[in-house]
Amino acid sequence: MATLKNILLYAAAMAAILLLLQWMQVKLLVIDHATEIYITGIAVLFTFLGIWLAKKLTRPKTEVVKESVVVEKEVVVYRPAPAIFLPDTAAITRLGLSPRELEVLQRMAEGATNQEIADGLFVSVNTVKTHTLEVLQRMAEGATNQEIADGLFVSVNTVKTHTSRLFEKLEVKRRTQAIEKARRLQVIA
């Protein structure tokens, strides 16, 4: 028993000495590398501070959102036919518009397609499709020269030519003026 007691006593003394030596070695390391240890400690501190701030600042804000559901539905609106439209013959004569051009314009204002206009006038579609008045009607709808050219299957230069002829006939300088004057003169609806 005495030997077991001595073994435990020596083991405890040896463990204490080893702990003392380890502590002294760590203390020596801390003294030798104090700057590096302080820098590492500060870096770790700021890393955790940054993570904490990021979580605080980027936390999703809770909002009460009322959801709206939009249902799109096609609604057909029937416009009553306007009172009998009587074009201003003096303005038409002054502008130099032919009766054929007026008839084409009137059918366009009614929403007829090129084919329907051609069938109604007993002419080919090609005769109807390139009239200057169609350019005026499309300008009134807000189409650009390129859109008009695409719709009429002509070049942009042809549309520009028709547009300049319209400007000359209506004695205007801009598209908006041409549309406004044609409506005021009751050339287009």
C-alpha atoms as a PDB file:
ATOM      1  CA  MET A   1       0.000   0.000   0.000  1.00  0.00           C
ATOM      2  CA  ALA A   2       2.809   2.260   0.734  1.00  0.00           C
ATOM      3  CA  THR A   3       4.128   1.774  -2.716  1.00  0.00           C
ATOM      4  CA  LEU A   4       0.791   2.688  -4.251  1.00  0.00           C
ATOM      5  CA  LYS A   5       0.708   5.798  -2.095  1.00  0.00           C
ATOM      6  CA  ASN A   6       4.245   6.739  -3.179  1.00  0.00           C
ATOM      7  CA  ILE A   7       3.398   6.122  -6.844  1.00  0.00           C
ATOM      8  CA  LEU A   8       0.362   8.431  -6.623  1.00  0.00           C
ATOM      9  CA  LEU A   9       2.398  11.082  -4.777  1.00  0.00           C
ATOM     10  CA  TYR A  10       5.174  10.992  -7.379  1.00  0.00           C
ATOM     11  CA  ALA A  11       2.597  11.044 -10.222  1.00  0.00           C
ATOM     12  CA  ALA A  12       0.874  14.114  -8.750  1.00  0.00           C
ATOM     13  CA  ALA A  13       4.223  15.880  -8.253  1.00  0.00           C
ATOM     14  CA  MET A  14       5.250  15.020 -11.816  1.00  0.00           C
ATOM     15  CA  ALA A  15       1.914  16.309 -13.202  1.00  0.00           C
ATOM     16  CA  ALA A  16       2.305  19.561 -11.226  1.00  0.00           C
ATOM     17  CA  ILE A  17       5.847  20.030 -12.528  1.00  0.00           C
ATOM     18  CA  LEU A  18       4.676  19.341 -16.118  1.00  0.00           C
ATOM     19  CA  LEU A  19       1.846  21.882 -15.739  1.00  0.00           C
ATOM     20  CA  LEU A  20       4.325  24.432 -14.372  1.00  0.00           C
ATOM     21  CA  LEU A  21       6.676  23.821 -17.290  1.00  0.00           C
ATOM     22  CA  GLN A  22       3.847  24.104 -19.824  1.00  0.00           C
ATOM     23  CA  TRP A  23       2.651  27.331 -18.212  1.00  0.00           C
ATOM     24  CA  MET A  24       6.182  28.748 -18.308  1.00  0.00           C
ATOM     25  CA  GLN A  25       6.539  27.730 -21.976  1.00  0.00           C
ATOM     26  CA  VAL A  26       3.236  29.450 -22.865  1.00  0.00           C
ATOM     27  CA  LYS A  27       4.305  32.538 -20.895  1.00  0.00           C
ATOM     28  CA  LEU A  28       7.597  32.567 -22.822  1.00  0.00           C
ATOM     29  CA  LEU A  29       5.708  32.247 -26.116  1.00  0.00           C
ATOM     30  CA  VAL A  30       3.368  35.070 -25.126  1.00  0.00           C
ATOM     31  CA  ILE A  31       6.280  37.322 -24.239  1.00  0.00           C
ATOM     32  CA  ASP A  32       8.186  36.501 -27.430  1.00  0.00           C
ATOM     33  CA  HIS A  33       5.166  36.832 -29.727  1.00  0.00           C
ATOM     34  CA  ALA A  34       3.049  39.374 -27.868  1.00  0.00           C
ATOM     35  CA  THR A  35       2.509  41.662 -30.882  1.00  0.00           C
ATOM     36  CA  GLU A  36       1.262  38.835 -33.084  1.00  0.00           C
ATOM     37  CA  ILE A  37      -1.046  37.580 -30.358  1.00  0.00           C
ATOM     38  CA  TYR A  38      -2.526  41.049 -29.786  1.00  0.00           C
ATOM     39  CA  ILE A  39      -3.052  41.589 -33.529  1.00  0.00           C
ATOM     40  CA  THR A  40      -4.724  38.180 -33.849  1.00  0.00           C
ATOM     41  CA  GLY A  41      -6.957  38.895 -30.854  1.00  0.00           C
ATOM     42  CA  ILE A  42      -8.011  42.258 -32.279  1.00  0.00           C
ATOM     43  CA  ALA A  43      -8.657  40.684 -35.705  1.00  0.00           C
ATOM     44  CA  VAL A  44     -10.857  37.985 -34.170  1.00  0.00           C
ATOM     45  CA  LEU A  45     -12.691  40.611 -32.108  1.00  0.00           C
ATOM     46  CA  PHE A  46     -13.403  42.783 -35.165  1.00  0.00           C
ATOM     47  CA  THR A  47     -14.429  39.738 -37.210  1.00  0.00           C
ATOM     48  CA  PHE A  48     -17.088  38.814 -34.682  1.00  0.00           C
ATOM     49  CA  LEU A  49     -18.109  42.477 -34.367  1.00  0.00           C
ATOM     50  CA  GLY A  50     -18.525  42.645 -38.174  1.00  0.00           C
ATOM     51  CA  ILE A  51     -20.597  39.474 -38.256  1.00  0.00           C
ATOM     52  CA  TRP A  52     -22.808  40.772 -35.462  1.00  0.00           C
ATOM     53  CA  LEU A  53     -23.290  44.168 -37.169  1.00  0.00           C
ATOM     54  CA  ALA A  54     -24.045  42.523 -40.513  1.00  0.00           C
ATOM     55  CA  LYS A  55     -26.751  40.420 -38.917  1.00  0.00           C
ATOM     56  CA  LYS A  56     -28.229  43.461 -37.186  1.00  0.00           C
ATOM     57  CA  LEU A  57     -28.170  45.732 -40.226  1.00  0.00           C
ATOM     58  CA  THR A  58     -29.298  43.239 -42.851  1.00  0.00           C
ATOM     59  CA  ARG A  59     -32.028  41.632 -40.844  1.00  0.00           C
ATOM     60  CA  PRO A  60     -35.074  41.379 -43.092  1.00  0.00           C
ATOM     61  CA  LYS A  61     -37.581  44.002 -42.187  1.00  0.00           C
ATOM     62  CA  THR A  62     -40.980  42.647 -41.461  1.00  0.00           C
ATOM     63  CA  GLU A  63     -43.651  44.450 -43.391  1.00  0.00           C
ATOM     64  CA  VAL A  64     -47.311  43.856 -43.697  1.00  0.00           C
ATOM     65  CA  VAL A  65     -47.965  43.560 -47.393  1.00  0.00           C
ATOM     66  CA  LYS A  66     -51.473  43.575 -48.638  1.00  0.00           C
ATOM     67  CA  GLU A  67     -51.527  41.572 -51.801  1.00  0.00           C
ATOM     68  CA  SER A  68     -53.524  42.865 -54.699  1.00  0.00           C
ATOM     69  CA  VAL A  69     -54.712  40.569 -57.388  1.00  0.00           C
ATOM     70  CA  VAL A  70     -55.244  42.178 -60.758  1.00  0.00           C
ATOM     71  CA  VAL A  71     -57.589  40.387 -63.080  1.00  0.00           C
ATOM     72  CA  GLU A  72     -57.314  41.482 -66.660  1.00  0.00           C
ATOM     73  CA  LYS A  73     -60.401  41.016 -68.680  1.00  0.00           C
ATOM     74  CA  GLU A  74     -61.075  42.123 -72.207  1.00  0.00           C
ATOM     75  CA  VAL A  75     -63.880  44.622 -72.297  1.00  0.00           C
ATOM     76  CA  VAL A  76     -65.558  45.429 -75.566  1.00  0.00           C
ATOM     77  CA  VAL A  77     -66.603  49.046 -75.729  1.00  0.00           C
ATOM     78  CA  TYR A  78     -69.013  50.057 -78.418  1.00  0.00           C
ATOM     79  CA  ARG A  79     -68.798  53.673 -79.372  1.00  0.00           C
ATOM     80  CA  PRO A  80     -71.963  55.080 -80.771  1.00  0.00           C
ATOM     81  CA  ALA A  81     -71.579  56.239 -84.316  1.00  0.00           C
ATOM     82  CA  PRO A  82     -71.037  59.977 -84.413  1.00  0.00           C
ATOM     83  CA  ALA A  83     -73.568  62.185 -86.037  1.00  0.00           C
ATOM     84  CA  ILE A  84     -73.410  62.221 -89.795  1.00  0.00           C
ATOM     85  CA  PHE A  85     -69.911  63.250 -90.743  1.00  0.00           C
ATOM     86  CA  LEU A  86     -69.833  65.928 -93.417  1.00  0.00           C
ATOM     87  CA  PRO A  87     -66.326  66.652 -94.607  1.00  0.00           C
ATOM     88  CA  ASP A  88     -65.357  70.240 -95.262  1.00  0.00           C
ATOM     89  CA  THR A  89     -65.249  70.354 -99.077  1.00  0.00           C
ATOM     90  CA  ALA A  90     -63.501  73.716 -99.165  1.00  0.00           C
ATOM     91  CA  ALA A  91     -60.654  72.392 -97.034  1.00  0.00           C
ATOM     92  CA  ILE A  92     -60.423  69.233 -99.123  1.00  0.00           C
ATOM     93  CA  THR A  93     -60.269  71.249-102.343  1.00  0.00           C
ATOM     94  CA  ARG A  94     -57.697  73.587-100.859  1.00  0.00           C
ATOM     95  CA  LEU A  95     -55.572  70.597 -99.796  1.00  0.00           C
ATOM     96  CA  GLY A  96     -55.829  68.994-103.230  1.00  0.00           C
ATOM     97  CA  LEU A  97     -57.224  65.666-102.012  1.00  0.00           C
ATOM     98  CA  SER A  98     -58.955  63.559-104.653  1.00  0.00           C
ATOM     99  CA  PRO A  99     -62.385  61.970-104.128  1.00  0.00           C
ATOM    100  CA  ARG A 100     -60.703  58.555-104.227  1.00  0.00           C
ATOM    101  CA  GLU A 101     -58.328  59.583-101.436  1.00  0.00           C
ATOM    102  CA  LEU A 102     -61.286  60.806 -99.382  1.00  0.00           C
ATOM    103  CA  GLU A 103     -63.187  57.569 -99.908  1.00  0.00           C
ATOM    104  CA  VAL A 104     -60.149  55.534 -98.880  1.00  0.00           C
ATOM    105  CA  LEU A 105     -59.675  57.776 -95.854  1.00  0.00           C
ATOM    106  CA  GLN A 106     -63.314  57.407 -94.813  1.00  0.00           C
ATOM    107  CA  ARG A 107     -63.142  53.605 -95.062  1.00  0.00           C
ATOM    108  CA  MET A 108     -59.915  53.641 -93.052  1.00  0.00           C
ATOM    109  CA  ALA A 109     -61.592  55.761 -90.384  1.00  0.00           C
ATOM    110  CA  GLU A 110     -64.347  53.127 -90.216  1.00  0.00           C
ATOM    111  CA  GLY A 111     -61.669  50.537 -89.419  1.00  0.00           C
ATOM    112  CA  ALA A 112     -61.655  48.675 -92.729  1.00  0.00           C
ATOM    113  CA  THR A 113     -58.583  46.683 -93.686  1.00  0.00           C
ATOM    114  CA  ASN A 114     -56.710  47.301 -96.916  1.00  0.00           C
ATOM    115  CA  GLN A 115     -58.355  44.246 -98.481  1.00  0.00           C
ATOM    116  CA  GLU A 116     -61.843  45.415 -97.459  1.00  0.00           C
ATOM    117  CA  ILE A 117     -61.170  48.877 -98.863  1.00  0.00           C
ATOM    118  CA  ALA A 118     -59.878  47.390-102.120  1.00  0.00           C
ATOM    119  CA  ASP A 119     -62.929  45.118-102.414  1.00  0.00           C
ATOM    120  CA  GLY A 120     -65.306  48.012-101.716  1.00  0.00           C
ATOM    121  CA  LEU A 121     -63.667  50.257-104.302  1.00  0.00           C
ATOM    122  CA  PHE A 122     -63.211  47.442-106.844  1.00  0.00           C
ATOM    123  CA  VAL A 123     -59.458  48.030-107.064  1.00  0.00           C
ATOM    124  CA  SER A 124     -56.411  45.967-106.178  1.00  0.00           C
ATOM    125  CA  VAL A 125     -54.934  46.076-102.698  1.00  0.00           C
ATOM    126  CA  ASN A 126     -51.754  47.636-104.085  1.00  0.00           C
ATOM    127  CA  THR A 127     -53.732  50.676-105.217  1.00  0.00           C
ATOM    128  CA  VAL A 128     -55.091  51.222-101.732  1.00  0.00           C
ATOM    129  CA  LYS A 129     -52.087  50.373 -99.634  1.00  0.00           C
ATOM    130  CA  THR A 130     -49.742  53.261-100.517  1.00  0.00           C
ATOM    131  CA  HIS A 131     -52.045  56.272-100.331  1.00  0.00           C
ATOM    132  CA  THR A 132     -50.767  59.350 -98.591  1.00  0.00           C
ATOM    133  CA  LEU A 133     -53.887  59.474 -96.453  1.00  0.00           C
ATOM    134  CA  GLU A 134     -53.086  56.100 -94.945  1.00  0.00           C
ATOM    135  CA  VAL A 135     -49.789  57.548 -93.826  1.00  0.00           C
ATOM    136  CA  LEU A 136     -51.717  60.434 -92.263  1.00  0.00           C
ATOM    137  CA  GLN A 137     -54.088  58.032 -90.514  1.00  0.00           C
ATOM    138  CA  ARG A 138     -51.212  55.993 -89.078  1.00  0.00           C
ATOM    139  CA  MET A 139     -49.482  59.195 -87.984  1.00  0.00           C
ATOM    140  CA  ALA A 140     -52.696  60.092 -86.157  1.00  0.00           C
ATOM    141  CA  GLU A 141     -52.527  56.709 -84.411  1.00  0.00           C
ATOM    142  CA  GLY A 142     -49.048  57.639 -83.140  1.00  0.00           C
ATOM    143  CA  ALA A 143     -46.979  55.330 -85.337  1.00  0.00           C
ATOM    144  CA  THR A 144     -43.357  56.169 -86.126  1.00  0.00           C
ATOM    145  CA  ASN A 145     -42.063  56.329 -89.698  1.00  0.00           C
ATOM    146  CA  GLN A 146     -40.538  52.865 -89.276  1.00  0.00           C
ATOM    147  CA  GLU A 147     -43.820  51.429 -87.968  1.00  0.00           C
ATOM    148  CA  ILE A 148     -45.746  53.022 -90.827  1.00  0.00           C
ATOM    149  CA  ALA A 149     -43.243  51.650 -93.346  1.00  0.00           C
ATOM    150  CA  ASP A 150     -43.477  48.171 -91.824  1.00  0.00           C
ATOM    151  CA  GLY A 151     -47.272  48.287 -91.851  1.00  0.00           C
ATOM    152  CA  LEU A 152     -47.482  49.467 -95.459  1.00  0.00           C
ATOM    153  CA  PHE A 153     -44.629  47.244 -96.658  1.00  0.00           C
ATOM    154  CA  VAL A 154     -42.720  50.207 -98.075  1.00  0.00           C
ATOM    155  CA  SER A 155     -39.385  51.779 -97.249  1.00  0.00           C
ATOM    156  CA  VAL A 156     -38.955  54.470 -94.619  1.00  0.00           C
ATOM    157  CA  ASN A 157     -37.962  56.890 -97.384  1.00  0.00           C
ATOM    158  CA  THR A 158     -41.348  56.358 -99.069  1.00  0.00           C
ATOM    159  CA  VAL A 159     -43.071  57.188 -95.801  1.00  0.00           C
ATOM    160  CA  LYS A 160     -40.908  60.291 -95.461  1.00  0.00           C
ATOM    161  CA  THR A 161     -41.929  61.341 -98.987  1.00  0.00           C
ATOM    162  CA  HIS A 162     -45.627  60.875 -98.177  1.00  0.00           C
ATOM    163  CA  THR A 163     -45.136  62.748 -94.914  1.00  0.00           C
ATOM    164  CA  SER A 164     -43.427  65.687 -96.598  1.00  0.00           C
ATOM    165  CA  ARG A 165     -46.234  65.832 -99.209  1.00  0.00           C
ATOM    166  CA  LEU A 166     -48.762  65.912 -96.393  1.00  0.00           C
ATOM    167  CA  PHE A 167     -46.855  68.684 -94.648  1.00  0.00           C
ATOM    168  CA  GLU A 168     -46.845  70.713 -97.874  1.00  0.00           C
ATOM    169  CA  LYS A 169     -50.548  70.171 -98.526  1.00  0.00           C
ATOM    170  CA  LEU A 170     -51.525  70.962 -94.949  1.00  0.00           C
ATOM    171  CA  GLU A 171     -48.989  73.801 -94.680  1.00  0.00           C
ATOM    172  CA  VAL A 172     -47.502  72.510 -91.428  1.00  0.00           C
ATOM    173  CA  LYS A 173     -44.023  71.631 -90.198  1.00  0.00           C
ATOM    174  CA  ARG A 174     -44.600  68.869 -87.609  1.00  0.00           C
ATOM    175  CA  ARG A 175     -46.525  65.604 -87.359  1.00  0.00           C
ATOM    176  CA  THR A 176     -48.655  66.795 -84.463  1.00  0.00           C
ATOM    177  CA  GLN A 177     -49.618  69.899 -86.406  1.00  0.00           C
ATOM    178  CA  ALA A 178     -50.561  67.780 -89.439  1.00  0.00           C
ATOM    179  CA  ILE A 179     -52.780  65.486 -87.381  1.00  0.00           C
ATOM    180  CA  GLU A 180     -54.405  68.354 -85.517  1.00  0.00           C
ATOM    181  CA  LYS A 181     -55.061  70.315 -88.718  1.00  0.00           C
ATOM    182  CA  ALA A 182     -56.448  67.280 -90.572  1.00  0.00           C
ATOM    183  CA  ARG A 183     -58.867  66.660 -87.708  1.00  0.00           C
ATOM    184  CA  ARG A 184     -59.780  70.320 -87.460  1.00  0.00           C
ATOM    185  CA  LEU A 185     -60.437  70.424 -91.211  1.00  0.00           C
ATOM    186  CA  GLN A 186     -62.446  67.220 -90.816  1.00  0.00           C
ATOM    187  CA  VAL A 187     -60.260  65.329 -93.252  1.00  0.00           C
ATOM    188  CA  ILE A 188     -59.813  62.481 -90.775  1.00  0.00           C
ATOM    189  CA  ALA A 189     -62.070  61.493 -87.919  1.00  0.00           C
END
